[in-house]
Each structure stands twice: as C-alpha cells, then as structure tokens.
Amino acid sequence: MAVAGPACEDHLRELFGGLGDITLRAMFGGAGVYCDGVMFALIDGESTIFLKAEGVLARALAAGGSEPFTYQRDGAARTINYWRMPEDGLEDPAEARLWASRSLDIARAARKG
C-alpha cells in the first residue's frame, strides 16, 4: 500500500471511521494523518502508523511494546511524541478507534495551546 495514496487513505478511513473526516498529507517520505484538520497520527515510509501520545497514553503504548517514532538528523537519532500503533489496533477497527480517539484528544489539546 503506497503511503498517502488512495488505498492507504481508504484503509485509514475504515480503521478510524466515526472519528471525523480522515485525510492524509504527504510529508517527509510518509504522511500526516488528520481528523477534521487536526494531525493526530503519522505514517512512515514503511506504512507504519504512529499516534501522537504523551503522558498516560505514551506510557500505555510503551508498556504494550510500542516504540516512539525516530528519525535521523545531523547524525543523531531524534524521537518525537508519536508512538507506533499497537498490533491489536491494526487488526481491529474498534480497537484502532479507541487508541486514535485518545491520540486525537491529545492533538486537539496541543493545538489549543
């Protein structure tokens, strides 16, 4: 499945259905995933889904074996507050929506400042 292509966008709409209007925007070889204009997830070049997470949600994802999104910059590994979606979320849309709704709440709160 191509990142930011129609098949990927359709899959994400199915996975996150009911949260709002899901759209993708290409960025840095991957894509940002938006719900009603708020970025709450990203997809890397290998089509791995990462959810915006901090605090309790980040700890829950880490406890479940998820890892943060990491990239290289100036020869050093950098991480940001996006964590790999758990496998159960990839296989079960209801579970995906639970994780994504928590991530979306964090993204909306961050946007408000």
PDB file of N, CA and C in Angstrom:
ATOM      1  N   MET A   1       0.854  -1.174   0.000  1.00  0.00           N
ATOM      2  CA  MET A   1       0.000   0.000   0.000  1.00  0.00           C
ATOM      3  C   MET A   1       0.898   1.235   0.000  1.00  0.00           C
ATOM      4  N   ALA A   2       0.731   2.121  -0.954  1.00  0.00           N
ATOM      5  CA  ALA A   2       1.523   3.334  -1.042  1.00  0.00           C
ATOM      6  C   ALA A   2       1.120   4.313   0.052  1.00  0.00           C
ATOM      7  N   VAL A   3       2.128   4.929   0.665  1.00  0.00           N
ATOM      8  CA  VAL A   3       1.850   5.932   1.684  1.00  0.00           C
ATOM      9  C   VAL A   3       1.224   7.145   1.014  1.00  0.00           C
ATOM     10  N   ALA A   4       0.153   7.640   1.565  1.00  0.00           N
ATOM     11  CA  ALA A   4      -0.572   8.818   1.089  1.00  0.00           C
ATOM     12  C   ALA A   4      -1.300   8.580  -0.227  1.00  0.00           C
ATOM     13  N   GLY A   5      -1.411   7.331  -0.655  1.00  0.00           N
ATOM     14  CA  GLY A   5      -2.173   7.021  -1.855  1.00  0.00           C
ATOM     15  C   GLY A   5      -3.622   6.750  -1.514  1.00  0.00           C
ATOM     16  N   PRO A   6      -4.470   6.633  -2.538  1.00  0.00           N
ATOM     17  CA  PRO A   6      -5.899   6.390  -2.302  1.00  0.00           C
ATOM     18  C   PRO A   6      -6.183   5.132  -1.482  1.00  0.00           C
ATOM     19  N   ALA A   7      -5.442   4.043  -1.728  1.00  0.00           N
ATOM     20  CA  ALA A   7      -5.682   2.807  -0.970  1.00  0.00           C
ATOM     21  C   ALA A   7      -5.359   3.000   0.504  1.00  0.00           C
ATOM     22  N   CYS A   8      -4.291   3.726   0.782  1.00  0.00           N
ATOM     23  CA  CYS A   8      -3.901   3.991   2.170  1.00  0.00           C
ATOM     24  C   CYS A   8      -4.954   4.858   2.859  1.00  0.00           C
ATOM     25  N   GLU A   9      -5.400   5.888   2.169  1.00  0.00           N
ATOM     26  CA  GLU A   9      -6.411   6.780   2.745  1.00  0.00           C
ATOM     27  C   GLU A   9      -7.719   6.033   3.003  1.00  0.00           C
ATOM     28  N   ASP A  10      -8.123   5.177   2.079  1.00  0.00           N
ATOM     29  CA  ASP A  10      -9.339   4.376   2.276  1.00  0.00           C
ATOM     30  C   ASP A  10      -9.194   3.452   3.480  1.00  0.00           C
ATOM     31  N   HIS A  11      -8.028   2.822   3.604  1.00  0.00           N
ATOM     32  CA  HIS A  11      -7.779   1.926   4.737  1.00  0.00           C
ATOM     33  C   HIS A  11      -7.871   2.693   6.061  1.00  0.00           C
ATOM     34  N   LEU A  12      -7.286   3.883   6.109  1.00  0.00           N
ATOM     35  CA  LEU A  12      -7.319   4.668   7.347  1.00  0.00           C
ATOM     36  C   LEU A  12      -8.727   5.152   7.670  1.00  0.00           C
ATOM     37  N   ARG A  13      -9.495   5.476   6.651  1.00  0.00           N
ATOM     38  CA  ARG A  13     -10.890   5.872   6.896  1.00  0.00           C
ATOM     39  C   ARG A  13     -11.678   4.708   7.487  1.00  0.00           C
ATOM     40  N   GLU A  14     -11.393   3.502   7.006  1.00  0.00           N
ATOM     41  CA  GLU A  14     -12.055   2.317   7.556  1.00  0.00           C
ATOM     42  C   GLU A  14     -11.598   2.072   8.995  1.00  0.00           C
ATOM     43  N   LEU A  15     -10.301   2.190   9.211  1.00  0.00           N
ATOM     44  CA  LEU A  15      -9.727   1.938  10.529  1.00  0.00           C
ATOM     45  C   LEU A  15     -10.205   2.955  11.562  1.00  0.00           C
ATOM     46  N   PHE A  16     -10.258   4.223  11.181  1.00  0.00           N
ATOM     47  CA  PHE A  16     -10.604   5.295  12.112  1.00  0.00           C
ATOM     48  C   PHE A  16     -12.010   5.839  11.891  1.00  0.00           C
ATOM     49  N   GLY A  17     -12.854   5.080  11.206  1.00  0.00           N
ATOM     50  CA  GLY A  17     -14.216   5.513  10.906  1.00  0.00           C
ATOM     51  C   GLY A  17     -14.975   5.950  12.145  1.00  0.00           C
ATOM     52  N   GLY A  18     -15.711   7.027  12.008  1.00  0.00           N
ATOM     53  CA  GLY A  18     -16.507   7.531  13.112  1.00  0.00           C
ATOM     54  C   GLY A  18     -15.826   8.630  13.909  1.00  0.00           C
ATOM     55  N   LEU A  19     -14.517   8.827  13.720  1.00  0.00           N
ATOM     56  CA  LEU A  19     -13.821   9.883  14.460  1.00  0.00           C
ATOM     57  C   LEU A  19     -14.044  11.253  13.834  1.00  0.00           C
ATOM     58  N   GLY A  20     -14.257  11.281  12.530  1.00  0.00           N
ATOM     59  CA  GLY A  20     -14.400  12.536  11.802  1.00  0.00           C
ATOM     60  C   GLY A  20     -13.880  12.357  10.389  1.00  0.00           C
ATOM     61  N   ASP A  21     -13.606  13.467   9.710  1.00  0.00           N
ATOM     62  CA  ASP A  21     -13.112  13.442   8.334  1.00  0.00           C
ATOM     63  C   ASP A  21     -11.615  13.138   8.336  1.00  0.00           C
ATOM     64  N   ILE A  22     -11.231  11.937   7.907  1.00  0.00           N
ATOM     65  CA  ILE A  22      -9.837  11.498   7.898  1.00  0.00           C
ATOM     66  C   ILE A  22      -9.208  11.835   6.551  1.00  0.00           C
ATOM     67  N   THR A  23      -8.091  12.566   6.599  1.00  0.00           N
ATOM     68  CA  THR A  23      -7.352  12.923   5.391  1.00  0.00           C
ATOM     69  C   THR A  23      -5.863  12.699   5.630  1.00  0.00           C
ATOM     70  N   LEU A  24      -5.114  12.589   4.535  1.00  0.00           N
ATOM     71  CA  LEU A  24      -3.660  12.431   4.590  1.00  0.00           C
ATOM     72  C   LEU A  24      -3.000  13.579   3.863  1.00  0.00           C
ATOM     73  N   ARG A  25      -1.826  13.961   4.351  1.00  0.00           N
ATOM     74  CA  ARG A  25      -0.999  14.952   3.665  1.00  0.00           C
ATOM     75  C   ARG A  25       0.419  14.408   3.624  1.00  0.00           C
ATOM     76  N   ALA A  26       0.963  14.299   2.419  1.00  0.00           N
ATOM     77  CA  ALA A  26       2.319  13.786   2.252  1.00  0.00           C
ATOM     78  C   ALA A  26       3.318  14.679   2.976  1.00  0.00           C
ATOM     79  N   MET A  27       4.284  14.017   3.632  1.00  0.00           N
ATOM     80  CA  MET A  27       5.335  14.770   4.315  1.00  0.00           C
ATOM     81  C   MET A  27       6.537  13.871   4.576  1.00  0.00           C
ATOM     82  N   PHE A  28       7.725  14.327   4.236  1.00  0.00           N
ATOM     83  CA  PHE A  28       8.978  13.659   4.563  1.00  0.00           C
ATOM     84  C   PHE A  28       9.004  12.170   4.230  1.00  0.00           C
ATOM     85  N   GLY A  29       8.499  11.778   3.089  1.00  0.00           N
ATOM     86  CA  GLY A  29       8.510  10.377   2.686  1.00  0.00           C
ATOM     87  C   GLY A  29       7.410   9.542   3.311  1.00  0.00           C
ATOM     88  N   GLY A  30       6.574  10.155   4.098  1.00  0.00           N
ATOM     89  CA  GLY A  30       5.441   9.480   4.734  1.00  0.00           C
ATOM     90  C   GLY A  30       4.218  10.357   4.586  1.00  0.00           C
ATOM     91  N   ALA A  31       3.389  10.375   5.613  1.00  0.00           N
ATOM     92  CA  ALA A  31       2.181  11.201   5.562  1.00  0.00           C
ATOM     93  C   ALA A  31       1.712  11.541   6.966  1.00  0.00           C
ATOM     94  N   GLY A  32       1.125  12.726   7.092  1.00  0.00           N
ATOM     95  CA  GLY A  32       0.432  13.095   8.315  1.00  0.00           C
ATOM     96  C   GLY A  32      -1.013  12.643   8.186  1.00  0.00           C
ATOM     97  N   VAL A  33      -1.584  12.132   9.275  1.00  0.00           N
ATOM     98  CA  VAL A  33      -2.977  11.689   9.292  1.00  0.00           C
ATOM     99  C   VAL A  33      -3.763  12.712  10.100  1.00  0.00           C
ATOM    100  N   TYR A  34      -4.800  13.262   9.476  1.00  0.00           N
ATOM    101  CA  TYR A  34      -5.587  14.337  10.081  1.00  0.00           C
ATOM    102  C   TYR A  34      -7.029  13.905  10.279  1.00  0.00           C
ATOM    103  N   CYS A  35      -7.621  14.389  11.341  1.00  0.00           N
ATOM    104  CA  CYS A  35      -9.049  14.220  11.578  1.00  0.00           C
ATOM    105  C   CYS A  35      -9.631  15.615  11.739  1.00  0.00           C
ATOM    106  N   ASP A  36     -10.510  15.983  10.837  1.00  0.00           N
ATOM    107  CA  ASP A  36     -11.111  17.317  10.859  1.00  0.00           C
ATOM    108  C   ASP A  36     -10.043  18.410  10.946  1.00  0.00           C
ATOM    109  N   GLY A  37      -8.941  18.208  10.219  1.00  0.00           N
ATOM    110  CA  GLY A  37      -7.885  19.207  10.139  1.00  0.00           C
ATOM    111  C   GLY A  37      -6.855  19.161  11.248  1.00  0.00           C
ATOM    112  N   VAL A  38      -6.961  18.237  12.188  1.00  0.00           N
ATOM    113  CA  VAL A  38      -6.017  18.117  13.301  1.00  0.00           C
ATOM    114  C   VAL A  38      -5.152  16.877  13.090  1.00  0.00           C
ATOM    115  N   MET A  39      -3.825  17.071  13.032  1.00  0.00           N
ATOM    116  CA  MET A  39      -2.925  15.935  12.849  1.00  0.00           C
ATOM    117  C   MET A  39      -2.804  15.170  14.161  1.00  0.00           C
ATOM    118  N   PHE A  40      -3.162  13.876  14.116  1.00  0.00           N
ATOM    119  CA  PHE A  40      -3.092  13.045  15.312  1.00  0.00           C
ATOM    120  C   PHE A  40      -2.249  11.796  15.104  1.00  0.00           C
ATOM    121  N   ALA A  41      -1.810  11.562  13.880  1.00  0.00           N
ATOM    122  CA  ALA A  41      -1.001  10.378  13.593  1.00  0.00           C
ATOM    123  C   ALA A  41      -0.113  10.664  12.394  1.00  0.00           C
ATOM    124  N   LEU A  42       0.877   9.809  12.214  1.00  0.00           N
ATOM    125  CA  LEU A  42       1.705   9.889  11.017  1.00  0.00           C
ATOM    126  C   LEU A  42       2.006   8.478  10.550  1.00  0.00           C
ATOM    127  N   ILE A  43       2.356   8.386   9.292  1.00  0.00           N
ATOM    128  CA  ILE A  43       2.726   7.115   8.682  1.00  0.00           C
ATOM    129  C   ILE A  43       4.120   7.292   8.110  1.00  0.00           C
ATOM    130  N   ASP A  44       5.020   6.371   8.447  1.00  0.00           N
ATOM    131  CA  ASP A  44       6.369   6.476   7.913  1.00  0.00           C
ATOM    132  C   ASP A  44       6.439   5.861   6.513  1.00  0.00           C
ATOM    133  N   GLY A  45       7.609   5.866   5.930  1.00  0.00           N
ATOM    134  CA  GLY A  45       7.796   5.351   4.581  1.00  0.00           C
ATOM    135  C   GLY A  45       7.547   3.863   4.438  1.00  0.00           C
ATOM    136  N   GLU A  46       7.453   3.151   5.561  1.00  0.00           N
ATOM    137  CA  GLU A  46       7.173   1.713   5.536  1.00  0.00           C
ATOM    138  C   GLU A  46       5.716   1.422   5.879  1.00  0.00           C
ATOM    139  N   SER A  47       4.886   2.456   5.890  1.00  0.00           N
ATOM    140  CA  SER A  47       3.447   2.362   6.176  1.00  0.00           C
ATOM    141  C   SER A  47       3.126   1.982   7.622  1.00  0.00           C
ATOM    142  N   THR A  48       4.044   2.273   8.540  1.00  0.00           N
ATOM    143  CA  THR A  48       3.791   2.057   9.963  1.00  0.00           C
ATOM    144  C   THR A  48       3.035   3.262  10.505  1.00  0.00           C
ATOM    145  N   ILE A  49       1.980   3.009  11.266  1.00  0.00           N
ATOM    146  CA  ILE A  49       1.165   4.080  11.839  1.00  0.00           C
ATOM    147  C   ILE A  49       1.692   4.429  13.223  1.00  0.00           C
ATOM    148  N   PHE A  50       1.908   5.720  13.452  1.00  0.00           N
ATOM    149  CA  PHE A  50       2.328   6.239  14.749  1.00  0.00           C
ATOM    150  C   PHE A  50       1.274   7.231  15.233  1.00  0.00           C
ATOM    151  N   LEU A  51       0.896   7.132  16.509  1.00  0.00           N
ATOM    152  CA  LEU A  51      -0.113   8.009  17.100  1.00  0.00           C
ATOM    153  C   LEU A  51       0.533   9.055  17.996  1.00  0.00           C
ATOM    154  N   LYS A  52       0.021  10.278  17.952  1.00  0.00           N
ATOM    155  CA  LYS A  52       0.503  11.321  18.856  1.00  0.00           C
ATOM    156  C   LYS A  52       0.185  10.879  20.274  1.00  0.00           C
ATOM    157  N   ALA A  53       1.194  10.900  21.143  1.00  0.00           N
ATOM    158  CA  ALA A  53       0.982  10.428  22.512  1.00  0.00           C
ATOM    159  C   ALA A  53       1.962  11.097  23.458  1.00  0.00           C
ATOM    160  N   GLU A  54       1.481  11.376  24.641  1.00  0.00           N
ATOM    161  CA  GLU A  54       2.317  11.863  25.730  1.00  0.00           C
ATOM    162  C   GLU A  54       1.646  11.451  27.034  1.00  0.00           C
ATOM    163  N   GLY A  55       2.355  11.580  28.125  1.00  0.00           N
ATOM    164  CA  GLY A  55       1.781  11.269  29.427  1.00  0.00           C
ATOM    165  C   GLY A  55       1.266   9.847  29.536  1.00  0.00           C
ATOM    166  N   VAL A  56       0.036   9.722  30.024  1.00  0.00           N
ATOM    167  CA  VAL A  56      -0.576   8.412  30.276  1.00  0.00           C
ATOM    168  C   VAL A  56      -0.642   7.568  29.008  1.00  0.00           C
ATOM    169  N   LEU A  57      -1.018   8.169  27.891  1.00  0.00           N
ATOM    170  CA  LEU A  57      -1.128   7.399  26.649  1.00  0.00           C
ATOM    171  C   LEU A  57       0.238   6.892  26.195  1.00  0.00           C
ATOM    172  N   ALA A  58       1.258   7.732  26.262  1.00  0.00           N
ATOM    173  CA  ALA A  58       2.601   7.291  25.870  1.00  0.00           C
ATOM    174  C   ALA A  58       3.070   6.142  26.759  1.00  0.00           C
ATOM    175  N   ARG A  59       2.799   6.243  28.051  1.00  0.00           N
ATOM    176  CA  ARG A  59       3.197   5.164  28.964  1.00  0.00           C
ATOM    177  C   ARG A  59       2.435   3.873  28.660  1.00  0.00           C
ATOM    178  N   ALA A  60       1.153   3.987  28.333  1.00  0.00           N
ATOM    179  CA  ALA A  60       0.358   2.797  27.989  1.00  0.00           C
ATOM    180  C   ALA A  60       0.885   2.147  26.715  1.00  0.00           C
ATOM    181  N   LEU A  61       1.224   2.958  25.729  1.00  0.00           N
ATOM    182  CA  LEU A  61       1.764   2.415  24.484  1.00  0.00           C
ATOM    183  C   LEU A  61       3.121   1.758  24.728  1.00  0.00           C
ATOM    184  N   ALA A  62       3.981   2.414  25.507  1.00  0.00           N
ATOM    185  CA  ALA A  62       5.295   1.847  25.817  1.00  0.00           C
ATOM    186  C   ALA A  62       5.155   0.527  26.575  1.00  0.00           C
ATOM    187  N   ALA A  63       4.232   0.483  27.528  1.00  0.00           N
ATOM    188  CA  ALA A  63       4.013  -0.742  28.308  1.00  0.00           C
ATOM    189  C   ALA A  63       3.545  -1.890  27.421  1.00  0.00           C
ATOM    190  N   GLY A  64       2.860  -1.558  26.335  1.00  0.00           N
ATOM    191  CA  GLY A  64       2.389  -2.575  25.397  1.00  0.00           C
ATOM    192  C   GLY A  64       3.411  -2.951  24.341  1.00  0.00           C
ATOM    193  N   GLY A  65       4.611  -2.378  24.422  1.00  0.00           N
ATOM    194  CA  GLY A  65       5.672  -2.731  23.485  1.00  0.00           C
ATOM    195  C   GLY A  65       5.860  -1.777  22.321  1.00  0.00           C
ATOM    196  N   SER A  66       5.078  -0.703  22.277  1.00  0.00           N
ATOM    197  CA  SER A  66       5.238   0.268  21.190  1.00  0.00           C
ATOM    198  C   SER A  66       6.519   1.066  21.387  1.00  0.00           C
ATOM    199  N   GLU A  67       7.004   1.616  20.289  1.00  0.00           N
ATOM    200  CA  GLU A  67       8.207   2.438  20.321  1.00  0.00           C
ATOM    201  C   GLU A  67       7.896   3.788  19.700  1.00  0.00           C
ATOM    202  N   PRO A  68       8.635   4.829  20.116  1.00  0.00           N
ATOM    203  CA  PRO A  68       8.385   6.147  19.534  1.00  0.00           C
ATOM    204  C   PRO A  68       8.933   6.246  18.109  1.00  0.00           C
ATOM    205  N   PHE A  69       8.375   7.180  17.356  1.00  0.00           N
ATOM    206  CA  PHE A  69       8.875   7.472  16.017  1.00  0.00           C
ATOM    207  C   PHE A  69      10.263   8.083  16.167  1.00  0.00           C
ATOM    208  N   THR A  70      11.220   7.543  15.433  1.00  0.00           N
ATOM    209  CA  THR A  70      12.601   8.008  15.499  1.00  0.00           C
ATOM    210  C   THR A  70      13.080   8.331  14.092  1.00  0.00           C
ATOM    211  N   TYR A  71      13.833   9.408  13.973  1.00  0.00           N
ATOM    212  CA  TYR A  71      14.417   9.777  12.690  1.00  0.00           C
ATOM    213  C   TYR A  71      15.839  10.275  12.929  1.00  0.00           C
ATOM    214  N   GLN A  72      16.619  10.366  11.869  1.00  0.00           N
ATOM    215  CA  GLN A  72      17.998  10.830  11.955  1.00  0.00           C
ATOM    216  C   GLN A  72      18.089  12.295  11.553  1.00  0.00           C
ATOM    217  N   ARG A  73      18.832  13.060  12.336  1.00  0.00           N
ATOM    218  CA  ARG A  73      19.072  14.462  11.993  1.00  0.00           C
ATOM    219  C   ARG A  73      20.463  14.823  12.494  1.00  0.00           C
ATOM    220  N   ASP A  74      21.254  15.369  11.615  1.00  0.00           N
ATOM    221  CA  ASP A  74      22.629  15.749  11.946  1.00  0.00           C
ATOM    222  C   ASP A  74      23.401  14.591  12.570  1.00  0.00           C
ATOM    223  N   GLY A  75      23.165  13.381  12.058  1.00  0.00           N
ATOM    224  CA  GLY A  75      23.884  12.211  12.517  1.00  0.00           C
ATOM    225  C   GLY A  75      23.428  11.643  13.851  1.00  0.00           C
ATOM    226  N   ALA A  76      22.350  12.184  14.400  1.00  0.00           N
ATOM    227  CA  ALA A  76      21.854  11.702  15.692  1.00  0.00           C
ATOM    228  C   ALA A  76      20.399  11.263  15.573  1.00  0.00           C
ATOM    229  N   ALA A  77      20.051  10.242  16.341  1.00  0.00           N
ATOM    230  CA  ALA A  77      18.661   9.773  16.367  1.00  0.00           C
ATOM    231  C   ALA A  77      17.822  10.743  17.191  1.00  0.00           C
ATOM    232  N   ARG A  78      16.671  11.104  16.661  1.00  0.00           N
ATOM    233  CA  ARG A  78      15.732  12.006  17.352  1.00  0.00           C
ATOM    234  C   ARG A  78      14.388  11.297  17.473  1.00  0.00           C
ATOM    235  N   THR A  79      13.697  11.551  18.556  1.00  0.00           N
ATOM    236  CA  THR A  79      12.354  10.996  18.717  1.00  0.00           C
ATOM    237  C   THR A  79      11.366  12.135  18.919  1.00  0.00           C
ATOM    238  N   ILE A  80      10.128  11.873  18.532  1.00  0.00           N
ATOM    239  CA  ILE A  80       9.057  12.840  18.747  1.00  0.00           C
ATOM    240  C   ILE A  80       7.896  12.110  19.419  1.00  0.00           C
ATOM    241  N   ASN A  81       6.905  12.844  19.871  1.00  0.00           N
ATOM    242  CA  ASN A  81       5.787  12.282  20.641  1.00  0.00           C
ATOM    243  C   ASN A  81       4.754  11.564  19.773  1.00  0.00           C
ATOM    244  N   TYR A  82       5.232  10.660  18.944  1.00  0.00           N
ATOM    245  CA  TYR A  82       4.359   9.784  18.163  1.00  0.00           C
ATOM    246  C   TYR A  82       4.839   8.362  18.412  1.00  0.00           C
ATOM    247  N   TRP A  83       3.907   7.483  18.779  1.00  0.00           N
ATOM    248  CA  TRP A  83       4.232   6.106  19.144  1.00  0.00           C
ATOM    249  C   TRP A  83       3.532   5.133  18.205  1.00  0.00           C
ATOM    250  N   ARG A  84       4.223   4.030  17.887  1.00  0.00           N
ATOM    251  CA  ARG A  84       3.680   3.019  16.975  1.00  0.00           C
ATOM    252  C   ARG A  84       2.357   2.476  17.506  1.00  0.00           C
ATOM    253  N   MET A  85       1.377   2.394  16.607  1.00  0.00           N
ATOM    254  CA  MET A  85       0.077   1.843  16.989  1.00  0.00           C
ATOM    255  C   MET A  85       0.244   0.365  17.335  1.00  0.00           C
ATOM    256  N   PRO A  86      -0.376  -0.079  18.425  1.00  0.00           N
ATOM    257  CA  PRO A  86      -0.301  -1.498  18.792  1.00  0.00           C
ATOM    258  C   PRO A  86      -0.917  -2.396  17.717  1.00  0.00           C
ATOM    259  N   GLU A  87      -0.419  -3.618  17.651  1.00  0.00           N
ATOM    260  CA  GLU A  87      -0.903  -4.587  16.666  1.00  0.00           C
ATOM    261  C   GLU A  87      -2.410  -4.798  16.752  1.00  0.00           C
ATOM    262  N   ASP A  88      -2.967  -4.810  17.977  1.00  0.00           N
ATOM    263  CA  ASP A  88      -4.414  -5.036  18.099  1.00  0.00           C
ATOM    264  C   ASP A  88      -5.203  -3.931  17.408  1.00  0.00           C
ATOM    265  N   GLY A  89      -4.649  -2.733  17.363  1.00  0.00           N
ATOM    266  CA  GLY A  89      -5.305  -1.632  16.671  1.00  0.00           C
ATOM    267  C   GLY A  89      -5.256  -1.765  15.162  1.00  0.00           C
ATOM    268  N   LEU A  90      -4.249  -2.450  14.666  1.00  0.00           N
ATOM    269  CA  LEU A  90      -4.134  -2.645  13.220  1.00  0.00           C
ATOM    270  C   LEU A  90      -5.097  -3.703  12.714  1.00  0.00           C
ATOM    271  N   GLU A  91      -5.487  -4.606  13.589  1.00  0.00           N
ATOM    272  CA  GLU A  91      -6.335  -5.723  13.191  1.00  0.00           C
ATOM    273  C   GLU A  91      -7.809  -5.524  13.525  1.00  0.00           C
ATOM    274  N   ASP A  92      -8.105  -4.603  14.419  1.00  0.00           N
ATOM    275  CA  ASP A  92      -9.472  -4.420  14.902  1.00  0.00           C
ATOM    276  C   ASP A  92      -9.843  -2.935  14.852  1.00  0.00           C
ATOM    277  N   PRO A  93     -10.713  -2.527  13.910  1.00  0.00           N
ATOM    278  CA  PRO A  93     -11.079  -1.114  13.809  1.00  0.00           C
ATOM    279  C   PRO A  93     -11.623  -0.522  15.109  1.00  0.00           C
ATOM    280  N   ALA A  94     -12.358  -1.295  15.897  1.00  0.00           N
ATOM    281  CA  ALA A  94     -12.874  -0.769  17.167  1.00  0.00           C
ATOM    282  C   ALA A  94     -11.720  -0.426  18.107  1.00  0.00           C
ATOM    283  N   GLU A  95     -10.722  -1.273  18.143  1.00  0.00           N
ATOM    284  CA  GLU A  95      -9.540  -1.024  18.977  1.00  0.00           C
ATOM    285  C   GLU A  95      -8.743   0.158  18.418  1.00  0.00           C
ATOM    286  N   ALA A  96      -8.635   0.233  17.094  1.00  0.00           N
ATOM    287  CA  ALA A  96      -7.932   1.350  16.455  1.00  0.00           C
ATOM    288  C   ALA A  96      -8.583   2.672  16.827  1.00  0.00           C
ATOM    289  N   ARG A  97      -9.903   2.706  16.814  1.00  0.00           N
ATOM    290  CA  ARG A  97     -10.614   3.945  17.154  1.00  0.00           C
ATOM    291  C   ARG A  97     -10.389   4.342  18.609  1.00  0.00           C
ATOM    292  N   LEU A  98     -10.303   3.357  19.504  1.00  0.00           N
ATOM    293  CA  LEU A  98     -10.036   3.678  20.914  1.00  0.00           C
ATOM    294  C   LEU A  98      -8.676   4.351  21.069  1.00  0.00           C
ATOM    295  N   TRP A  99      -7.652   3.751  20.476  1.00  0.00           N
ATOM    296  CA  TRP A  99      -6.313   4.346  20.542  1.00  0.00           C
ATOM    297  C   TRP A  99      -6.294   5.713  19.854  1.00  0.00           C
ATOM    298  N   ALA A 100      -6.880   5.780  18.667  1.00  0.00           N
ATOM    299  CA  ALA A 100      -6.854   7.018  17.888  1.00  0.00           C
ATOM    300  C   ALA A 100      -7.632   8.140  18.564  1.00  0.00           C
ATOM    301  N   SER A 101      -8.736   7.827  19.224  1.00  0.00           N
ATOM    302  CA  SER A 101      -9.513   8.886  19.885  1.00  0.00           C
ATOM    303  C   SER A 101      -8.720   9.493  21.035  1.00  0.00           C
ATOM    304  N   ARG A 102      -7.951   8.676  21.737  1.00  0.00           N
ATOM    305  CA  ARG A 102      -7.102   9.198  22.815  1.00  0.00           C
ATOM    306  C   ARG A 102      -6.004  10.086  22.232  1.00  0.00           C
ATOM    307  N   SER A 103      -5.439   9.652  21.123  1.00  0.00           N
ATOM    308  CA  SER A 103      -4.416  10.432  20.447  1.00  0.00           C
ATOM    309  C   SER A 103      -4.985  11.751  19.926  1.00  0.00           C
ATOM    310  N   LEU A 104      -6.169  11.681  19.361  1.00  0.00           N
ATOM    311  CA  LEU A 104      -6.820  12.877  18.833  1.00  0.00           C
ATOM    312  C   LEU A 104      -7.108  13.885  19.945  1.00  0.00           C
ATOM    313  N   ASP A 105      -7.512  13.412  21.114  1.00  0.00           N
ATOM    314  CA  ASP A 105      -7.729  14.310  22.256  1.00  0.00           C
ATOM    315  C   ASP A 105      -6.449  15.063  22.607  1.00  0.00           C
ATOM    316  N   ILE A 106      -5.323  14.365  22.598  1.00  0.00           N
ATOM    317  CA  ILE A 106      -4.030  14.994  22.896  1.00  0.00           C
ATOM    318  C   ILE A 106      -3.674  16.012  21.821  1.00  0.00           C
ATOM    319  N   ALA A 107      -3.885  15.654  20.562  1.00  0.00           N
ATOM    320  CA  ALA A 107      -3.571  16.562  19.453  1.00  0.00           C
ATOM    321  C   ALA A 107      -4.440  17.815  19.507  1.00  0.00           C
ATOM    322  N   ARG A 108      -5.709  17.647  19.819  1.00  0.00           N
ATOM    323  CA  ARG A 108      -6.603  18.811  19.916  1.00  0.00           C
ATOM    324  C   ARG A 108      -6.197  19.718  21.072  1.00  0.00           C
ATOM    325  N   ALA A 109      -5.845  19.128  22.208  1.00  0.00           N
ATOM    326  CA  ALA A 109      -5.421  19.924  23.367  1.00  0.00           C
ATOM    327  C   ALA A 109      -4.138  20.685  23.054  1.00  0.00           C
ATOM    328  N   ALA A 110      -3.199  20.046  22.361  1.00  0.00           N
ATOM    329  CA  ALA A 110      -1.944  20.704  21.995  1.00  0.00           C
ATOM    330  C   ALA A 110      -2.191  21.851  21.027  1.00  0.00           C
ATOM    331  N   ARG A 111      -3.139  21.672  20.157  1.00  0.00           N
ATOM    332  CA  ARG A 111      -3.459  22.706  19.169  1.00  0.00           C
ATOM    333  C   ARG A 111      -4.038  23.949  19.839  1.00  0.00           C
ATOM    334  N   LYS A 112      -4.834  23.734  20.895  1.00  0.00           N
ATOM    335  CA  LYS A 112      -5.429  24.865  21.619  1.00  0.00           C
ATOM    336  C   LYS A 112      -4.388  25.614  22.442  1.00  0.00           C
ATOM    337  N   GLY A 113      -3.302  24.924  22.759  1.00  0.00           N
ATOM    338  CA  GLY A 113      -2.213  25.557  23.490  1.00  0.00           C
ATOM    339  C   GLY A 113      -2.418  25.480  24.930  1.00  0.00           C
TER     340      GLY A 113
END
